[in-house]
Protein backbone atom coordinates (compact mmCIF):
# COMPACT_ATOMS: atom_id res chain seq x y z
CA UNK A 1 157.25 140.25 61.36
CA UNK A 2 160.61 141.99 61.78
CA UNK A 3 161.65 143.75 58.56
CA UNK A 4 165.00 145.06 59.80
CA UNK A 5 166.83 145.82 63.05
CA UNK A 6 169.13 148.51 64.40
CA UNK A 7 172.87 147.88 64.55
CA UNK A 8 172.91 147.20 68.31
CA UNK A 9 169.87 144.91 68.40
CA UNK A 10 170.65 141.25 69.08
CA UNK A 11 167.43 139.98 70.65
CA UNK A 12 165.58 139.66 67.33
CA UNK A 13 166.58 139.47 63.69
CA UNK A 14 164.98 139.95 60.29
CA UNK A 15 162.09 137.53 59.74
CA UNK A 16 161.32 136.92 63.43
CA UNK A 17 157.68 136.93 64.47
CA UNK A 18 157.04 139.35 67.31
CA UNK A 19 154.29 140.95 69.38
CA UNK A 20 154.60 144.71 70.00
CA UNK A 21 153.40 145.74 73.46
CA UNK A 22 152.77 149.16 74.98
CA UNK A 23 154.49 148.28 78.25
CA UNK A 24 158.29 147.99 78.06
CA UNK A 25 160.50 145.49 79.82
CA UNK A 26 164.18 146.41 79.65
CA UNK A 27 165.20 143.51 81.89
CA UNK A 28 167.92 145.53 83.60
CA UNK A 29 166.32 148.11 85.92
CA UNK A 30 165.32 147.52 89.54
CA UNK A 31 161.63 147.22 88.63
CA UNK A 32 162.18 144.78 85.78
CA UNK A 33 164.33 142.61 88.05
CA UNK A 34 161.75 142.71 90.85
CA UNK A 35 158.90 140.21 91.09
CA UNK A 36 156.73 142.95 92.60
CA UNK A 37 156.36 145.30 89.63
CA UNK A 38 155.93 145.41 85.87
CA UNK A 39 156.75 149.14 85.58
CA UNK A 40 160.07 149.63 83.85
CA UNK A 41 162.15 152.39 85.47
CA UNK A 42 164.24 153.15 82.40
CA UNK A 43 161.28 153.34 80.01
CA UNK A 44 158.28 154.33 82.14
CA UNK A 45 154.90 153.85 80.48
CA UNK A 46 153.24 157.05 79.30
CA UNK A 47 150.92 158.22 76.56
CA UNK A 48 153.59 159.59 74.25
CA UNK A 49 153.83 160.42 70.52
CA UNK A 50 157.58 159.73 70.50
CA UNK A 51 160.12 156.92 70.62
CA UNK A 52 160.91 156.12 74.27
CA UNK A 53 164.72 156.43 74.21
CA UNK A 54 165.24 159.78 72.52
CA UNK A 55 161.84 161.48 72.32
CA UNK A 56 161.81 161.69 68.52
CA UNK A 57 159.61 160.36 65.72
CA UNK A 58 160.74 157.94 63.02
CA UNK A 59 157.84 158.83 60.71
CA UNK A 60 157.32 161.64 58.20
CA UNK A 61 154.83 162.14 55.40
CA UNK A 62 155.78 162.75 51.76
CA UNK A 63 156.22 166.44 52.53
CA UNK A 64 158.62 165.78 55.38
CA UNK A 65 156.12 166.63 58.11
CA UNK A 66 156.39 164.61 61.31
CA UNK A 67 153.87 161.81 61.86
CA UNK A 68 153.55 160.93 65.53
CA UNK A 69 153.87 157.53 67.14
CA UNK A 70 151.11 156.07 69.33
CA UNK A 71 151.81 154.38 72.67
CA UNK A 72 155.34 153.46 71.51
CA UNK A 73 154.13 150.89 68.95
CA UNK A 74 151.73 152.48 66.40
CA UNK A 75 150.11 149.10 65.88
CA UNK A 76 147.74 150.24 63.12
CA UNK A 77 150.65 151.07 60.82
CA UNK A 78 151.61 148.62 58.09
CA UNK A 79 155.22 149.44 58.96
CA UNK A 80 156.31 150.75 62.34
CA UNK A 81 159.46 151.36 64.36
CA UNK A 82 159.44 149.89 67.87
CA UNK A 83 162.03 149.88 70.63
CA UNK A 84 163.36 146.42 71.49
CA UNK A 85 162.04 146.91 75.05
CA UNK A 86 158.51 146.82 73.58
CA UNK A 87 158.96 143.66 71.51
CA UNK A 88 158.27 140.02 72.41
CA UNK A 89 159.72 137.34 70.13
CA UNK A 90 157.33 134.40 69.74
CA UNK A 91 157.21 130.95 68.17
CA UNK A 92 156.36 131.42 64.46
CA UNK A 93 154.14 128.32 64.62
CA UNK A 94 151.63 130.14 66.84
CA UNK A 95 148.85 131.65 64.68
CA UNK A 96 149.41 135.43 64.56
CA UNK A 97 145.66 136.10 64.69
CA UNK A 98 145.66 134.52 68.15
CA UNK A 99 149.05 135.66 69.42
CA UNK A 100 148.07 139.29 68.76
CA UNK A 101 145.37 139.06 71.44
CA UNK A 102 148.11 139.01 74.06
CA UNK A 103 149.56 142.36 73.00
CA UNK A 104 146.92 143.84 75.32
CA UNK A 105 143.27 143.14 76.14
CA UNK A 106 143.16 139.43 76.86
CA UNK A 107 146.58 139.49 78.51
CA UNK A 108 145.46 142.41 80.69
CA UNK A 109 142.41 140.58 82.01
CA UNK A 110 144.05 137.20 82.48
CA UNK A 111 147.07 138.81 84.10
CA UNK A 112 144.94 140.85 86.49
CA UNK A 113 143.54 137.63 87.94
CA UNK A 114 146.82 135.72 87.81
CA UNK A 115 149.50 138.28 88.63
CA UNK A 116 147.87 141.34 90.22
CA UNK A 117 145.22 139.68 92.37
CA UNK A 118 146.83 136.26 92.77
CA UNK A 119 143.44 134.53 92.68
CA UNK A 120 143.61 131.36 94.76
CA UNK A 121 141.95 127.99 94.09
CA UNK A 122 138.50 127.72 95.62
CA UNK A 123 137.98 131.47 95.84
CA UNK A 124 135.04 133.67 94.83
CA UNK A 125 135.49 136.38 92.22
CA UNK A 126 133.16 139.21 91.17
CA UNK A 127 133.75 140.95 87.84
CA UNK A 128 132.10 144.30 87.14
CA UNK A 129 131.67 144.62 83.38
CA UNK A 130 131.62 141.62 81.04
CA UNK A 131 133.21 143.14 77.97
CA UNK A 132 136.30 141.48 76.53
CA UNK A 133 138.48 142.63 79.45
CA UNK A 134 136.04 141.35 82.05
CA UNK A 135 135.70 138.05 80.22
CA UNK A 136 139.49 137.78 80.11
CA UNK A 137 139.51 138.27 83.89
CA UNK A 138 137.00 135.41 84.12
CA UNK A 139 139.29 133.25 81.99
CA UNK A 140 142.22 134.10 84.24
CA UNK A 141 140.21 133.36 87.37
CA UNK A 142 139.11 130.04 85.87
CA UNK A 143 142.73 129.12 85.16
CA UNK A 144 143.65 130.05 88.74
CA UNK A 145 141.02 127.66 90.10
CA UNK A 146 138.31 130.05 91.33
CA UNK A 147 135.15 128.05 92.04
CA UNK A 148 132.66 130.90 91.86
CA UNK A 149 132.94 133.65 89.26
CA UNK A 150 130.19 136.27 89.44
CA UNK A 151 129.64 138.49 86.43
CA UNK A 152 128.01 141.90 86.96
CA UNK A 153 126.57 143.75 83.97
CA UNK A 154 123.46 145.55 82.74
CA UNK A 155 123.06 143.24 79.74
CA UNK A 156 121.79 139.76 80.69
CA UNK A 157 122.94 138.26 77.38
CA UNK A 158 126.51 138.70 78.62
CA UNK A 159 125.93 135.78 81.01
CA UNK A 160 125.67 133.24 78.20
CA UNK A 161 128.87 134.56 76.69
CA UNK A 162 130.53 134.60 80.09
CA UNK A 163 129.78 130.93 80.72
CA UNK A 164 132.31 130.04 78.02
CA UNK A 165 135.00 131.67 80.16
CA UNK A 166 134.00 130.27 83.53
CA UNK A 167 131.35 132.72 84.78
CA UNK A 168 129.11 130.76 87.16
CA UNK A 169 126.68 133.44 88.38
CA UNK A 170 125.22 136.63 86.95
CA UNK A 171 124.04 139.79 88.68
CA UNK A 172 121.97 142.22 86.64
CA UNK A 173 123.18 145.57 87.95
CA UNK A 174 119.81 147.19 87.26
CA UNK A 175 117.67 144.50 88.85
CA UNK A 176 118.86 143.93 92.41
CA UNK A 177 115.52 144.51 94.09
CA UNK A 178 116.34 148.06 95.08
CA UNK A 179 119.56 147.02 96.79
CA UNK A 180 123.04 148.20 95.86
CA UNK A 181 124.92 145.60 93.84
CA UNK A 182 127.41 145.32 96.69
CA UNK A 183 124.74 144.35 99.20
CA UNK A 184 123.36 141.80 96.76
CA UNK A 185 126.81 140.23 96.31
CA UNK A 186 127.55 140.26 100.05
CA UNK A 187 124.30 138.39 100.70
CA UNK A 188 124.77 135.85 97.90
CA UNK A 189 128.35 135.08 98.97
CA UNK A 190 127.90 135.20 102.73
CA UNK A 191 130.16 138.18 103.31
CA UNK A 192 131.52 139.35 99.97
CA UNK A 193 133.79 138.20 97.18
CA UNK A 194 137.44 137.41 97.81
CA UNK A 195 138.42 139.36 94.68
CA UNK A 196 136.54 142.07 92.80
CA UNK A 197 137.56 143.47 89.42
CA UNK A 198 136.39 146.80 87.99
CA UNK A 199 136.43 146.53 84.19
CA UNK A 200 134.07 149.38 83.26
CA UNK A 201 136.12 152.51 83.82
CA UNK A 202 133.80 154.42 86.16
CA UNK A 203 134.80 155.71 89.60
CA UNK A 204 131.39 154.88 91.09
CA UNK A 205 131.74 151.27 89.94
CA UNK A 206 135.15 151.08 91.64
CA UNK A 207 133.46 152.02 94.91
CA UNK A 208 130.74 149.41 94.38
CA UNK A 209 133.34 146.74 93.63
CA UNK A 210 135.30 147.73 96.74
CA UNK A 211 132.14 147.52 98.83
CA UNK A 212 131.47 144.03 97.42
CA UNK A 213 134.77 142.65 98.74
CA UNK A 214 134.99 140.57 101.87
CA UNK A 215 136.27 142.41 104.92
CA UNK A 216 139.63 141.29 106.24
CA UNK A 217 141.23 140.06 103.03
CA UNK A 218 139.19 141.18 100.02
CA UNK A 219 141.05 142.69 97.06
CA UNK A 220 139.59 145.08 94.51
CA UNK A 221 141.51 145.38 91.26
CA UNK A 222 140.95 148.45 89.07
CA UNK A 223 141.43 147.80 85.34
CA UNK A 224 138.96 150.23 83.75
CA UNK A 225 139.99 153.82 83.04
CA UNK A 226 137.68 156.73 83.88
CA UNK A 227 138.01 160.21 82.40
CA UNK A 228 141.06 162.22 83.53
CA UNK A 229 140.56 163.79 86.93
CA UNK A 230 137.86 161.36 88.10
CA UNK A 231 138.41 160.65 91.78
CA UNK A 232 137.50 157.85 94.16
CA UNK A 233 136.31 158.93 97.60
CA UNK A 234 136.81 156.43 100.40
CA UNK A 235 136.39 156.94 104.13
CA UNK A 236 139.71 156.58 105.96
CA UNK A 237 137.75 154.91 108.78
CA UNK A 238 136.39 152.35 106.33
CA UNK A 239 139.83 151.67 104.85
CA UNK A 240 141.34 151.19 108.31
CA UNK A 241 138.68 148.97 109.83
CA UNK A 242 137.64 146.87 106.83
CA UNK A 243 141.14 145.60 106.05
CA UNK A 244 140.57 145.42 102.30
CA UNK A 245 142.95 146.23 99.45
CA UNK A 246 142.45 148.47 96.41
CA UNK A 247 144.95 148.02 93.59
CA UNK A 248 145.47 149.22 90.05
CA UNK A 249 146.47 146.79 87.31
CA UNK A 250 148.36 147.96 84.22
CA UNK A 251 148.76 145.27 81.56
CA UNK A 252 147.49 142.79 84.12
CA UNK A 253 150.64 143.09 86.20
CA UNK A 254 152.47 141.13 83.50
CA UNK A 255 156.08 141.64 82.54
CA UNK A 256 155.66 141.36 78.76
CA UNK A 257 158.79 139.40 77.83
CA UNK A 258 158.66 137.23 80.96
CA UNK A 259 154.97 136.36 81.18
CA UNK A 260 153.36 136.59 77.73
CA UNK A 261 155.35 133.54 76.50
CA UNK A 262 153.91 131.60 79.46
CA UNK A 263 150.39 132.51 78.34
CA UNK A 264 151.20 131.52 74.76
CA UNK A 265 152.39 128.12 75.97
CA UNK A 266 149.17 127.68 77.93
CA UNK A 267 147.28 128.41 74.72
CA UNK A 268 149.35 125.85 72.79
CA UNK A 269 148.70 123.36 75.60
CA UNK A 270 144.95 124.04 75.21
CA UNK A 271 144.61 125.49 78.70
CA UNK A 272 144.12 129.19 77.87
CA UNK A 273 141.24 130.06 75.57
CA UNK A 274 142.02 132.58 72.85
CA UNK A 275 139.95 131.41 69.87
CA UNK A 276 136.74 132.15 71.75
CA UNK A 277 137.60 135.85 72.04
CA UNK A 278 137.76 136.41 68.27
CA UNK A 279 134.27 137.22 67.02
CA UNK A 280 135.17 139.17 63.86
CA UNK A 281 137.99 139.52 61.35
CA UNK A 282 138.38 142.34 58.82
CA UNK A 283 140.84 143.50 56.20
CA UNK A 284 142.99 146.54 56.90
CA UNK A 285 140.94 148.67 54.51
CA UNK A 286 137.90 148.02 56.71
CA UNK A 287 139.56 149.10 59.96
CA UNK A 288 136.80 151.64 60.67
CA UNK A 289 134.25 148.82 60.65
CA UNK A 290 136.29 147.18 63.40
CA UNK A 291 136.10 150.35 65.49
CA UNK A 292 132.35 150.55 64.90
CA UNK A 293 131.92 146.98 66.11
CA UNK A 294 134.01 147.74 69.18
CA UNK A 295 132.31 151.02 70.08
CA UNK A 296 128.82 149.52 69.78
CA UNK A 297 129.69 146.43 71.80
CA UNK A 298 129.05 144.05 68.92
CA UNK A 299 132.35 142.22 69.16
CA UNK A 300 134.76 140.87 71.72
CA UNK A 301 138.02 141.01 69.77
CA UNK A 302 138.17 141.94 66.09
CA UNK A 303 141.33 140.86 64.27
CA UNK A 304 142.57 143.24 61.57
CA UNK A 305 144.54 141.56 58.80
CA UNK A 306 147.19 143.93 57.50
CA UNK A 307 148.11 141.82 54.46
CA UNK A 308 144.69 141.01 53.04
């Protein structure tokens, strides 16, 4: 909820309900005006401890020492200062414990299927990693009309969870009869998936996803983040002759102010599932429990209530 605004801010006012997002949308630059990109030219996304416009902090401790920002929004602060480019005003009637899921995470996965890949009705999708991001990709693919959604993971129990979000088939990555996962998927689909999504964050899995795509038109979308410096090695001959695409997807290719309201409306219209992603809720004082649940894979999304 907006507590106060700067003197030049007109887009929101005190009392408005908003979602802070790490990816800015200024609405004025060439990228924000283009349908081809969600990277703002004026406020490029970066891992920064400062405010985006002037490179300063708005926080200090009781001794006057600077406290740094995190990803432009510092979302685990009870009070924060956020640039208007990183704020989405929403309908106050939408439950905040559901709207917050679209600040990242669910929006990233759904958007990757919808905006980045452009999944078409009747297509086949393979998702590598069925954590909350992978399941959000499945939800996005379901909304786009994919008829076959293959989940790939090392934990078979993920299949039952995935069914709620449209997953139709499951491949146990460790039990493919001695074959690479890609060969297994190529055989079960008669040539490969139309769209593959890497949601693990491992360079080797990116290669396996790419190999699982159908030659001629297959698209592989990279969502997971490997350690800095990790590289993907592809043969130039393979890239040339296979005719497949490899793309990165930041925030699901969504323009925050333009596209998140569309997803919220689809939730209100009971098309987009959000409730099913929330497996735990904790008070702010128990925030470390939320991180424990996340790091051990015991939750999908854990909502932290700041005012309880």
